[in-house]
N, C-alpha and C. Protein backbone atom coordinates (compact mmCIF):
# COMPACT_ATOMS: atom_id res chain seq x y z
N UNK A 1 10.54 28.34 50.71
CA UNK A 1 10.38 27.08 49.99
C UNK A 1 9.10 26.40 50.43
N UNK A 2 8.29 26.03 49.49
CA UNK A 2 7.01 25.40 49.83
C UNK A 2 7.16 23.88 49.88
N UNK A 3 6.40 23.28 50.77
CA UNK A 3 6.41 21.83 50.89
C UNK A 3 5.42 21.25 49.89
N UNK A 4 5.77 20.09 49.37
CA UNK A 4 4.89 19.42 48.42
C UNK A 4 3.76 18.72 49.16
N UNK A 5 2.64 18.61 48.50
CA UNK A 5 1.51 17.88 49.05
C UNK A 5 1.62 16.39 48.73
N UNK A 6 2.67 16.01 48.00
CA UNK A 6 2.82 14.63 47.56
C UNK A 6 4.15 14.06 48.03
N UNK A 7 4.16 12.74 48.26
CA UNK A 7 5.35 12.04 48.70
C UNK A 7 5.58 10.84 47.79
N UNK A 8 6.86 10.64 47.44
CA UNK A 8 7.20 9.46 46.64
C UNK A 8 7.14 8.23 47.53
N UNK A 9 6.39 7.22 47.10
CA UNK A 9 6.22 6.02 47.91
C UNK A 9 6.86 4.78 47.27
N UNK A 10 7.20 4.87 45.98
CA UNK A 10 7.72 3.68 45.30
C UNK A 10 8.40 4.12 44.02
N UNK A 11 9.44 3.37 43.63
CA UNK A 11 10.06 3.54 42.33
C UNK A 11 10.56 2.20 41.84
N UNK A 12 10.34 1.95 40.57
CA UNK A 12 10.74 0.68 39.99
C UNK A 12 10.48 0.72 38.49
N UNK A 13 10.49 -0.46 37.90
CA UNK A 13 10.21 -0.54 36.46
C UNK A 13 8.70 -0.43 36.21
N UNK A 14 8.36 -0.31 34.94
CA UNK A 14 6.97 -0.10 34.52
C UNK A 14 6.04 -1.19 35.07
N UNK A 15 6.46 -2.44 35.04
CA UNK A 15 5.60 -3.55 35.45
C UNK A 15 5.26 -3.46 36.94
N UNK A 16 6.28 -3.22 37.77
CA UNK A 16 6.04 -3.15 39.21
C UNK A 16 5.23 -1.90 39.57
N UNK A 17 5.51 -0.80 38.90
CA UNK A 17 4.75 0.42 39.16
C UNK A 17 3.29 0.22 38.78
N UNK A 18 3.03 -0.51 37.72
CA UNK A 18 1.66 -0.80 37.32
C UNK A 18 0.94 -1.61 38.40
N UNK A 19 1.64 -2.55 39.02
CA UNK A 19 1.04 -3.34 40.12
C UNK A 19 0.69 -2.45 41.30
N UNK A 20 1.62 -1.57 41.67
CA UNK A 20 1.37 -0.66 42.80
C UNK A 20 0.22 0.27 42.46
N UNK A 21 0.23 0.82 41.26
CA UNK A 21 -0.84 1.74 40.83
C UNK A 21 -2.20 1.07 40.91
N UNK A 22 -2.31 -0.17 40.43
CA UNK A 22 -3.58 -0.90 40.48
C UNK A 22 -4.03 -1.11 41.92
N UNK A 23 -3.10 -1.47 42.79
CA UNK A 23 -3.43 -1.67 44.19
C UNK A 23 -3.93 -0.40 44.86
N UNK A 24 -3.27 0.71 44.54
CA UNK A 24 -3.69 2.00 45.11
C UNK A 24 -5.07 2.39 44.59
N UNK A 25 -5.29 2.23 43.31
CA UNK A 25 -6.59 2.59 42.74
C UNK A 25 -7.71 1.72 43.30
N UNK A 26 -7.40 0.47 43.64
CA UNK A 26 -8.41 -0.43 44.22
C UNK A 26 -8.91 0.07 45.57
N UNK A 27 -8.09 0.84 46.29
CA UNK A 27 -8.53 1.36 47.59
C UNK A 27 -8.88 2.84 47.52
N UNK A 28 -9.03 3.35 46.29
CA UNK A 28 -9.51 4.71 46.11
C UNK A 28 -8.45 5.80 46.10
N UNK A 29 -7.19 5.42 45.94
CA UNK A 29 -6.10 6.40 45.87
C UNK A 29 -5.68 6.56 44.42
N UNK A 30 -5.63 7.80 43.97
CA UNK A 30 -5.17 8.08 42.61
C UNK A 30 -3.72 8.56 42.68
N UNK A 31 -2.77 7.71 42.28
CA UNK A 31 -1.36 8.10 42.36
C UNK A 31 -0.93 8.95 41.18
N UNK A 32 0.18 9.64 41.34
CA UNK A 32 0.82 10.35 40.24
C UNK A 32 2.04 9.54 39.85
N UNK A 33 2.16 9.22 38.57
CA UNK A 33 3.28 8.44 38.07
C UNK A 33 4.22 9.39 37.32
N UNK A 34 5.46 9.41 37.74
CA UNK A 34 6.46 10.27 37.11
C UNK A 34 7.44 9.39 36.34
N UNK A 35 7.61 9.68 35.06
CA UNK A 35 8.48 8.90 34.19
C UNK A 35 9.46 9.85 33.51
N UNK A 36 10.63 10.03 34.12
CA UNK A 36 11.63 10.96 33.58
C UNK A 36 12.09 10.53 32.20
N UNK A 37 12.26 9.23 31.99
CA UNK A 37 12.71 8.74 30.70
C UNK A 37 11.77 9.11 29.59
N UNK A 38 10.48 8.96 29.82
CA UNK A 38 9.49 9.32 28.80
C UNK A 38 9.46 10.82 28.58
N UNK A 39 9.60 11.59 29.64
CA UNK A 39 9.63 13.04 29.50
C UNK A 39 10.83 13.48 28.66
N UNK A 40 11.97 12.85 28.90
CA UNK A 40 13.16 13.18 28.13
C UNK A 40 13.01 12.78 26.68
N UNK A 41 12.41 11.62 26.44
CA UNK A 41 12.20 11.16 25.06
C UNK A 41 11.29 12.12 24.31
N UNK A 42 10.20 12.53 24.95
CA UNK A 42 9.27 13.45 24.31
C UNK A 42 9.90 14.81 24.06
N UNK A 43 10.89 15.16 24.88
CA UNK A 43 11.58 16.43 24.72
C UNK A 43 12.71 16.36 23.70
N UNK A 44 12.90 15.19 23.08
CA UNK A 44 13.92 15.04 22.05
C UNK A 44 15.29 14.68 22.58
N UNK A 45 15.35 14.26 23.84
CA UNK A 45 16.64 13.89 24.44
C UNK A 45 16.66 12.38 24.67
N UNK A 46 17.84 11.83 24.69
CA UNK A 46 17.98 10.42 25.02
C UNK A 46 17.86 10.22 26.52
N UNK A 47 17.66 8.99 26.93
CA UNK A 47 17.50 8.71 28.35
C UNK A 47 18.06 7.34 28.69
N UNK A 48 18.67 7.25 29.86
CA UNK A 48 19.11 5.95 30.36
C UNK A 48 18.10 5.38 31.36
N UNK A 49 17.02 6.11 31.60
CA UNK A 49 16.00 5.71 32.57
C UNK A 49 14.79 5.05 31.94
N UNK A 50 14.92 4.53 30.75
CA UNK A 50 13.75 3.95 30.08
C UNK A 50 13.08 2.91 30.94
N UNK A 51 11.78 3.11 31.18
CA UNK A 51 11.01 2.15 31.94
C UNK A 51 11.03 2.36 33.44
N UNK A 52 11.88 3.26 33.96
CA UNK A 52 11.96 3.50 35.40
C UNK A 52 10.99 4.60 35.77
N UNK A 53 10.12 4.33 36.74
CA UNK A 53 9.08 5.27 37.11
C UNK A 53 9.01 5.45 38.61
N UNK A 54 8.40 6.56 39.02
CA UNK A 54 8.21 6.86 40.44
C UNK A 54 6.71 7.05 40.70
N UNK A 55 6.29 6.63 41.89
CA UNK A 55 4.88 6.75 42.29
C UNK A 55 4.78 7.73 43.45
N UNK A 56 3.92 8.72 43.30
CA UNK A 56 3.68 9.72 44.34
C UNK A 56 2.22 9.66 44.75
N UNK A 57 1.96 9.90 46.04
CA UNK A 57 0.58 9.98 46.54
C UNK A 57 0.44 11.23 47.40
N UNK A 58 -0.79 11.68 47.55
CA UNK A 58 -1.08 12.81 48.42
C UNK A 58 -0.70 12.46 49.85
N UNK A 59 -0.15 13.41 50.56
CA UNK A 59 0.29 13.16 51.94
C UNK A 59 -0.85 12.69 52.84
N UNK A 60 -2.08 13.09 52.55
CA UNK A 60 -3.23 12.66 53.35
C UNK A 60 -3.50 11.16 53.20
N UNK A 61 -3.01 10.56 52.12
CA UNK A 61 -3.27 9.14 51.85
C UNK A 61 -2.03 8.28 52.05
N UNK A 62 -1.00 8.86 52.62
CA UNK A 62 0.30 8.20 52.72
C UNK A 62 0.26 6.90 53.50
N UNK A 63 -0.40 6.88 54.63
CA UNK A 63 -0.42 5.68 55.47
C UNK A 63 -1.09 4.50 54.75
N UNK A 64 -2.24 4.74 54.16
CA UNK A 64 -2.93 3.67 53.42
C UNK A 64 -2.11 3.24 52.20
N UNK A 65 -1.47 4.19 51.54
CA UNK A 65 -0.68 3.87 50.36
C UNK A 65 0.51 2.99 50.71
N UNK A 66 1.14 3.26 51.83
CA UNK A 66 2.31 2.47 52.22
C UNK A 66 1.93 1.02 52.52
N UNK A 67 0.71 0.78 52.96
CA UNK A 67 0.27 -0.59 53.18
C UNK A 67 0.25 -1.34 51.85
N UNK A 68 -0.23 -0.71 50.81
CA UNK A 68 -0.27 -1.32 49.47
C UNK A 68 1.15 -1.54 48.96
N UNK A 69 2.00 -0.53 49.09
CA UNK A 69 3.39 -0.64 48.62
C UNK A 69 4.10 -1.78 49.33
N UNK A 70 3.95 -1.85 50.64
CA UNK A 70 4.60 -2.92 51.40
C UNK A 70 4.09 -4.30 51.01
N UNK A 71 2.81 -4.40 50.70
CA UNK A 71 2.25 -5.67 50.25
C UNK A 71 2.84 -6.09 48.92
N UNK A 72 2.97 -5.16 47.98
CA UNK A 72 3.55 -5.47 46.68
C UNK A 72 5.02 -5.87 46.84
N UNK A 73 5.74 -5.16 47.69
CA UNK A 73 7.16 -5.50 47.93
C UNK A 73 7.27 -6.90 48.52
N UNK A 74 6.38 -7.25 49.44
CA UNK A 74 6.40 -8.59 50.04
C UNK A 74 6.14 -9.66 48.99
N UNK A 75 5.22 -9.39 48.08
CA UNK A 75 4.93 -10.34 47.00
C UNK A 75 6.13 -10.50 46.09
N UNK A 76 6.88 -9.44 45.86
CA UNK A 76 8.07 -9.50 45.02
C UNK A 76 9.14 -10.40 45.65
N UNK A 77 9.25 -10.36 46.97
CA UNK A 77 10.26 -11.12 47.67
C UNK A 77 9.89 -12.59 47.87
N UNK A 78 8.60 -12.90 47.75
CA UNK A 78 8.13 -14.26 47.99
C UNK A 78 8.48 -15.18 46.84
């Protein structure tokens, strides 16, 4: 079994994922956004996950990415 080069750092609705994505891109990290609901819709299947997305980053950028994720989470709680 091979290990992935990417780690999931965040999951939420489209709006929150967009905030995290923007923050990551501002510091030079290009995240991968996984949207199972959209994939299912495009495949002709229904989905209960509409709008729920996951954010993955390269393991080499994990520490910097988590700083952005934690900042966005703190803003959500404020």
